[in-house]
Amino acid sequence: MKKIIAVTVLTVSLLGSACAARVAFVPPAPRVEVIGVAPYRGAVWYSGRWVRGRRDWVWVRGYWR
């Protein structure tokens, strides 16, 4: 009986570890942003970009500075 339980536990653990996870190392293509009128003379537009989140890529919008 103990041998059957041990084999079952081993089989379940091996099947559980065989699950594949999706990992994206390269960020997606940049998004198209509408750049409005500068809020003041000399303002510089900083384009949006992808940053790495906990599990996926997160888009950070562009801004004037």
PDB file of N, CA and C in Angstrom:
ATOM      1  N   MET A   1       0.818  -1.190   0.000  1.00  0.00           N
ATOM      2  CA  MET A   1       0.000   0.000   0.000  1.00  0.00           C
ATOM      3  C   MET A   1       0.864   1.258   0.000  1.00  0.00           C
ATOM      4  N   LYS A   2       1.913   1.257   0.813  1.00  0.00           N
ATOM      5  CA  LYS A   2       2.794   2.424   0.871  1.00  0.00           C
ATOM      6  C   LYS A   2       3.493   2.641  -0.467  1.00  0.00           C
ATOM      7  N   LYS A   3       3.806   1.549  -1.157  1.00  0.00           N
ATOM      8  CA  LYS A   3       4.482   1.659  -2.448  1.00  0.00           C
ATOM      9  C   LYS A   3       3.555   2.308  -3.477  1.00  0.00           C
ATOM     10  N   ILE A   4       2.271   1.949  -3.455  1.00  0.00           N
ATOM     11  CA  ILE A   4       1.302   2.531  -4.385  1.00  0.00           C
ATOM     12  C   ILE A   4       1.148   4.027  -4.114  1.00  0.00           C
ATOM     13  N   ILE A   5       1.072   4.413  -2.868  1.00  0.00           N
ATOM     14  CA  ILE A   5       0.952   5.831  -2.508  1.00  0.00           C
ATOM     15  C   ILE A   5       2.203   6.588  -2.939  1.00  0.00           C
ATOM     16  N   ALA A   6       3.363   6.017  -2.720  1.00  0.00           N
ATOM     17  CA  ALA A   6       4.614   6.677  -3.104  1.00  0.00           C
ATOM     18  C   ALA A   6       4.698   6.868  -4.616  1.00  0.00           C
ATOM     19  N   VAL A   7       4.302   5.836  -5.370  1.00  0.00           N
ATOM     20  CA  VAL A   7       4.320   5.940  -6.831  1.00  0.00           C
ATOM     21  C   VAL A   7       3.318   6.991  -7.297  1.00  0.00           C
ATOM     22  N   THR A   8       2.161   7.045  -6.689  1.00  0.00           N
ATOM     23  CA  THR A   8       1.145   8.031  -7.048  1.00  0.00           C
ATOM     24  C   THR A   8       1.630   9.449  -6.763  1.00  0.00           C
ATOM     25  N   VAL A   9       2.212   9.654  -5.607  1.00  0.00           N
ATOM     26  CA  VAL A   9       2.734  10.976  -5.254  1.00  0.00           C
ATOM     27  C   VAL A   9       3.852  11.385  -6.215  1.00  0.00           C
ATOM     28  N   LEU A  10       4.726  10.466  -6.553  1.00  0.00           N
ATOM     29  CA  LEU A  10       5.817  10.754  -7.484  1.00  0.00           C
ATOM     30  C   LEU A  10       5.275  11.104  -8.863  1.00  0.00           C
ATOM     31  N   THR A  11       4.281  10.349  -9.327  1.00  0.00           N
ATOM     32  CA  THR A  11       3.689  10.602 -10.643  1.00  0.00           C
ATOM     33  C   THR A  11       3.019  11.972 -10.691  1.00  0.00           C
ATOM     34  N   VAL A  12       2.255  12.292  -9.661  1.00  0.00           N
ATOM     35  CA  VAL A  12       1.577  13.594  -9.624  1.00  0.00           C
ATOM     36  C   VAL A  12       2.582  14.735  -9.572  1.00  0.00           C
ATOM     37  N   SER A  13       3.653  14.583  -8.820  1.00  0.00           N
ATOM     38  CA  SER A  13       4.651  15.649  -8.733  1.00  0.00           C
ATOM     39  C   SER A  13       5.398  15.824 -10.051  1.00  0.00           C
ATOM     40  N   LEU A  14       5.659  14.738 -10.747  1.00  0.00           N
ATOM     41  CA  LEU A  14       6.322  14.846 -12.050  1.00  0.00           C
ATOM     42  C   LEU A  14       5.405  15.483 -13.087  1.00  0.00           C
ATOM     43  N   LEU A  15       4.145  15.134 -13.070  1.00  0.00           N
ATOM     44  CA  LEU A  15       3.192  15.744 -14.000  1.00  0.00           C
ATOM     45  C   LEU A  15       3.007  17.230 -13.694  1.00  0.00           C
ATOM     46  N   GLY A  16       3.003  17.576 -12.431  1.00  0.00           N
ATOM     47  CA  GLY A  16       2.846  18.978 -12.043  1.00  0.00           C
ATOM     48  C   GLY A  16       4.039  19.826 -12.432  1.00  0.00           C
ATOM     49  N   SER A  17       5.229  19.240 -12.402  1.00  0.00           N
ATOM     50  CA  SER A  17       6.423  20.009 -12.744  1.00  0.00           C
ATOM     51  C   SER A  17       6.613  20.118 -14.246  1.00  0.00           C
ATOM     52  N   ALA A  18       5.865  19.346 -15.023  1.00  0.00           N
ATOM     53  CA  ALA A  18       6.002  19.381 -16.473  1.00  0.00           C
ATOM     54  C   ALA A  18       5.164  20.487 -17.101  1.00  0.00           C
ATOM     55  N   CYS A  19       4.428  21.245 -16.323  1.00  0.00           N
ATOM     56  CA  CYS A  19       3.608  22.336 -16.858  1.00  0.00           C
ATOM     57  C   CYS A  19       4.512  23.419 -17.427  1.00  0.00           C
ATOM     58  N   ALA A  20       4.125  23.939 -18.568  1.00  0.00           N
ATOM     59  CA  ALA A  20       4.920  24.980 -19.222  1.00  0.00           C
ATOM     60  C   ALA A  20       4.379  26.349 -18.845  1.00  0.00           C
ATOM     61  N   ALA A  21       5.271  27.293 -18.667  1.00  0.00           N
ATOM     62  CA  ALA A  21       4.888  28.673 -18.379  1.00  0.00           C
ATOM     63  C   ALA A  21       5.303  29.548 -19.551  1.00  0.00           C
ATOM     64  N   ARG A  22       4.476  30.550 -19.861  1.00  0.00           N
ATOM     65  CA  ARG A  22       4.787  31.466 -20.954  1.00  0.00           C
ATOM     66  C   ARG A  22       5.653  32.596 -20.409  1.00  0.00           C
ATOM     67  N   VAL A  23       6.847  32.708 -20.954  1.00  0.00           N
ATOM     68  CA  VAL A  23       7.754  33.766 -20.534  1.00  0.00           C
ATOM     69  C   VAL A  23       8.162  34.546 -21.775  1.00  0.00           C
ATOM     70  N   ALA A  24       7.895  35.834 -21.773  1.00  0.00           N
ATOM     71  CA  ALA A  24       8.250  36.689 -22.904  1.00  0.00           C
ATOM     72  C   ALA A  24       9.465  37.526 -22.524  1.00  0.00           C
ATOM     73  N   PHE A  25      10.604  37.232 -23.151  1.00  0.00           N
ATOM     74  CA  PHE A  25      11.824  37.966 -22.849  1.00  0.00           C
ATOM     75  C   PHE A  25      11.932  39.253 -23.656  1.00  0.00           C
ATOM     76  N   VAL A  26      11.272  39.296 -24.794  1.00  0.00           N
ATOM     77  CA  VAL A  26      11.332  40.467 -25.671  1.00  0.00           C
ATOM     78  C   VAL A  26      10.028  41.242 -25.524  1.00  0.00           C
ATOM     79  N   PRO A  27      10.089  42.562 -25.318  1.00  0.00           N
ATOM     80  CA  PRO A  27       8.852  43.336 -25.167  1.00  0.00           C
ATOM     81  C   PRO A  27       8.067  43.383 -26.482  1.00  0.00           C
ATOM     82  N   PRO A  28       6.758  43.594 -26.400  1.00  0.00           N
ATOM     83  CA  PRO A  28       5.945  43.739 -27.616  1.00  0.00           C
ATOM     84  C   PRO A  28       6.341  44.997 -28.391  1.00  0.00           C
ATOM     85  N   ALA A  29       5.797  45.122 -29.564  1.00  0.00           N
ATOM     86  CA  ALA A  29       6.072  46.305 -30.389  1.00  0.00           C
ATOM     87  C   ALA A  29       5.533  47.552 -29.681  1.00  0.00           C
ATOM     88  N   PRO A  30       6.196  48.701 -29.877  1.00  0.00           N
ATOM     89  CA  PRO A  30       5.716  49.941 -29.240  1.00  0.00           C
ATOM     90  C   PRO A  30       4.303  50.286 -29.703  1.00  0.00           C
ATOM     91  N   ARG A  31       3.534  50.890 -28.823  1.00  0.00           N
ATOM     92  CA  ARG A  31       2.182  51.321 -29.157  1.00  0.00           C
ATOM     93  C   ARG A  31       2.228  52.668 -29.870  1.00  0.00           C
ATOM     94  N   VAL A  32       1.203  52.933 -30.626  1.00  0.00           N
ATOM     95  CA  VAL A  32       1.088  54.229 -31.299  1.00  0.00           C
ATOM     96  C   VAL A  32       0.442  55.197 -30.324  1.00  0.00           C
ATOM     97  N   GLU A  33       1.106  56.336 -30.099  1.00  0.00           N
ATOM     98  CA  GLU A  33       0.582  57.336 -29.177  1.00  0.00           C
ATOM     99  C   GLU A  33       0.277  58.621 -29.930  1.00  0.00           C
ATOM    100  N   VAL A  34      -0.766  59.298 -29.505  1.00  0.00           N
ATOM    101  CA  VAL A  34      -1.103  60.600 -30.074  1.00  0.00           C
ATOM    102  C   VAL A  34      -0.418  61.648 -29.215  1.00  0.00           C
ATOM    103  N   ILE A  35       0.492  62.390 -29.852  1.00  0.00           N
ATOM    104  CA  ILE A  35       1.233  63.423 -29.125  1.00  0.00           C
ATOM    105  C   ILE A  35       0.501  64.739 -29.343  1.00  0.00           C
ATOM    106  N   GLY A  36      -0.037  65.283 -28.287  1.00  0.00           N
ATOM    107  CA  GLY A  36      -0.782  66.546 -28.378  1.00  0.00           C
ATOM    108  C   GLY A  36       0.154  67.744 -28.442  1.00  0.00           C
ATOM    109  N   VAL A  37      -0.424  68.896 -28.266  1.00  0.00           N
ATOM    110  CA  VAL A  37       0.330  70.145 -28.284  1.00  0.00           C
ATOM    111  C   VAL A  37       1.126  70.249 -26.983  1.00  0.00           C
ATOM    112  N   ALA A  38       2.351  70.743 -27.101  1.00  0.00           N
ATOM    113  CA  ALA A  38       3.196  70.908 -25.918  1.00  0.00           C
ATOM    114  C   ALA A  38       2.528  71.856 -24.925  1.00  0.00           C
ATOM    115  N   PRO A  39       2.570  71.542 -23.651  1.00  0.00           N
ATOM    116  CA  PRO A  39       1.897  72.377 -22.654  1.00  0.00           C
ATOM    117  C   PRO A  39       2.573  73.741 -22.455  1.00  0.00           C
ATOM    118  N   TYR A  40       3.841  73.844 -22.796  1.00  0.00           N
ATOM    119  CA  TYR A  40       4.565  75.102 -22.680  1.00  0.00           C
ATOM    120  C   TYR A  40       5.770  75.069 -23.608  1.00  0.00           C
ATOM    121  N   ARG A  41       6.325  76.232 -23.882  1.00  0.00           N
ATOM    122  CA  ARG A  41       7.476  76.325 -24.780  1.00  0.00           C
ATOM    123  C   ARG A  41       8.675  75.616 -24.150  1.00  0.00           C
ATOM    124  N   GLY A  42       9.368  74.814 -24.945  1.00  0.00           N
ATOM    125  CA  GLY A  42      10.553  74.102 -24.476  1.00  0.00           C
ATOM    126  C   GLY A  42      10.251  72.738 -23.871  1.00  0.00           C
ATOM    127  N   ALA A  43       8.976  72.336 -23.832  1.00  0.00           N
ATOM    128  CA  ALA A  43       8.619  71.017 -23.286  1.00  0.00           C
ATOM    129  C   ALA A  43       9.138  69.928 -24.223  1.00  0.00           C
ATOM    130  N   VAL A  44       9.555  68.832 -23.653  1.00  0.00           N
ATOM    131  CA  VAL A  44      10.104  67.712 -24.428  1.00  0.00           C
ATOM    132  C   VAL A  44       9.199  66.505 -24.232  1.00  0.00           C
ATOM    133  N   TRP A  45       8.894  65.804 -25.342  1.00  0.00           N
ATOM    134  CA  TRP A  45       8.058  64.610 -25.287  1.00  0.00           C
ATOM    135  C   TRP A  45       8.925  63.378 -25.035  1.00  0.00           C
ATOM    136  N   TYR A  46       8.586  62.619 -24.012  1.00  0.00           N
ATOM    137  CA  TYR A  46       9.243  61.344 -23.715  1.00  0.00           C
ATOM    138  C   TYR A  46       8.292  60.232 -24.144  1.00  0.00           C
ATOM    139  N   SER A  47       8.703  59.438 -25.100  1.00  0.00           N
ATOM    140  CA  SER A  47       7.850  58.391 -25.658  1.00  0.00           C
ATOM    141  C   SER A  47       7.527  57.325 -24.630  1.00  0.00           C
ATOM    142  N   GLY A  48       6.385  56.677 -24.845  1.00  0.00           N
ATOM    143  CA  GLY A  48       5.998  55.569 -23.989  1.00  0.00           C
ATOM    144  C   GLY A  48       6.924  54.378 -24.208  1.00  0.00           C
ATOM    145  N   ARG A  49       6.881  53.447 -23.264  1.00  0.00           N
ATOM    146  CA  ARG A  49       7.783  52.297 -23.373  1.00  0.00           C
ATOM    147  C   ARG A  49       7.192  51.129 -22.595  1.00  0.00           C
ATOM    148  N   TRP A  50       7.665  49.954 -22.915  1.00  0.00           N
ATOM    149  CA  TRP A  50       7.284  48.744 -22.186  1.00  0.00           C
ATOM    150  C   TRP A  50       8.252  48.536 -21.033  1.00  0.00           C
ATOM    151  N   VAL A  51       7.734  48.232 -19.868  1.00  0.00           N
ATOM    152  CA  VAL A  51       8.568  47.884 -18.714  1.00  0.00           C
ATOM    153  C   VAL A  51       8.120  46.515 -18.220  1.00  0.00           C
ATOM    154  N   ARG A  52       9.018  45.835 -17.596  1.00  0.00           N
ATOM    155  CA  ARG A  52       8.733  44.484 -17.122  1.00  0.00           C
ATOM    156  C   ARG A  52       7.941  44.541 -15.826  1.00  0.00           C
ATOM    157  N   GLY A  53       6.764  43.920 -15.799  1.00  0.00           N
ATOM    158  CA  GLY A  53       5.953  43.810 -14.589  1.00  0.00           C
ATOM    159  C   GLY A  53       6.335  42.540 -13.854  1.00  0.00           C
ATOM    160  N   ARG A  54       5.500  42.107 -12.962  1.00  0.00           N
ATOM    161  CA  ARG A  54       5.786  40.871 -12.224  1.00  0.00           C
ATOM    162  C   ARG A  54       5.785  39.658 -13.132  1.00  0.00           C
ATOM    163  N   ARG A  55       4.794  39.588 -14.029  1.00  0.00           N
ATOM    164  CA  ARG A  55       4.677  38.410 -14.880  1.00  0.00           C
ATOM    165  C   ARG A  55       4.587  38.730 -16.361  1.00  0.00           C
ATOM    166  N   ASP A  56       4.380  39.985 -16.700  1.00  0.00           N
ATOM    167  CA  ASP A  56       4.196  40.341 -18.095  1.00  0.00           C
ATOM    168  C   ASP A  56       4.697  41.764 -18.327  1.00  0.00           C
ATOM    169  N   TRP A  57       4.631  42.209 -19.571  1.00  0.00           N
ATOM    170  CA  TRP A  57       5.061  43.559 -19.910  1.00  0.00           C
ATOM    171  C   TRP A  57       3.930  44.545 -19.642  1.00  0.00           C
ATOM    172  N   VAL A  58       4.282  45.744 -19.153  1.00  0.00           N
ATOM    173  CA  VAL A  58       3.317  46.795 -18.828  1.00  0.00           C
ATOM    174  C   VAL A  58       3.696  48.045 -19.621  1.00  0.00           C
ATOM    175  N   TRP A  59       2.701  48.675 -20.257  1.00  0.00           N
ATOM    176  CA  TRP A  59       2.950  49.875 -21.039  1.00  0.00           C
ATOM    177  C   TRP A  59       2.920  51.109 -20.142  1.00  0.00           C
ATOM    178  N   VAL A  60       3.971  51.935 -20.237  1.00  0.00           N
ATOM    179  CA  VAL A  60       4.028  53.219 -19.525  1.00  0.00           C
ATOM    180  C   VAL A  60       3.842  54.295 -20.579  1.00  0.00           C
ATOM    181  N   ARG A  61       2.789  55.092 -20.424  1.00  0.00           N
ATOM    182  CA  ARG A  61       2.462  56.120 -21.415  1.00  0.00           C
ATOM    183  C   ARG A  61       3.537  57.192 -21.509  1.00  0.00           C
ATOM    184  N   GLY A  62       3.619  57.804 -22.692  1.00  0.00           N
ATOM    185  CA  GLY A  62       4.526  58.921 -22.882  1.00  0.00           C
ATOM    186  C   GLY A  62       4.033  60.148 -22.142  1.00  0.00           C
ATOM    187  N   TYR A  63       4.926  61.120 -21.967  1.00  0.00           N
ATOM    188  CA  TYR A  63       4.545  62.320 -21.216  1.00  0.00           C
ATOM    189  C   TYR A  63       5.400  63.506 -21.656  1.00  0.00           C
ATOM    190  N   TRP A  64       4.878  64.692 -21.352  1.00  0.00           N
ATOM    191  CA  TRP A  64       5.611  65.944 -21.607  1.00  0.00           C
ATOM    192  C   TRP A  64       6.394  66.303 -20.357  1.00  0.00           C
ATOM    193  N   ARG A  65       7.570  66.854 -20.587  1.00  0.00           N
ATOM    194  CA  ARG A  65       8.372  67.307 -19.460  1.00  0.00           C
ATOM    195  C   ARG A  65       9.148  68.536 -19.842  1.00  0.00           C
TER     196      ARG A  65
END
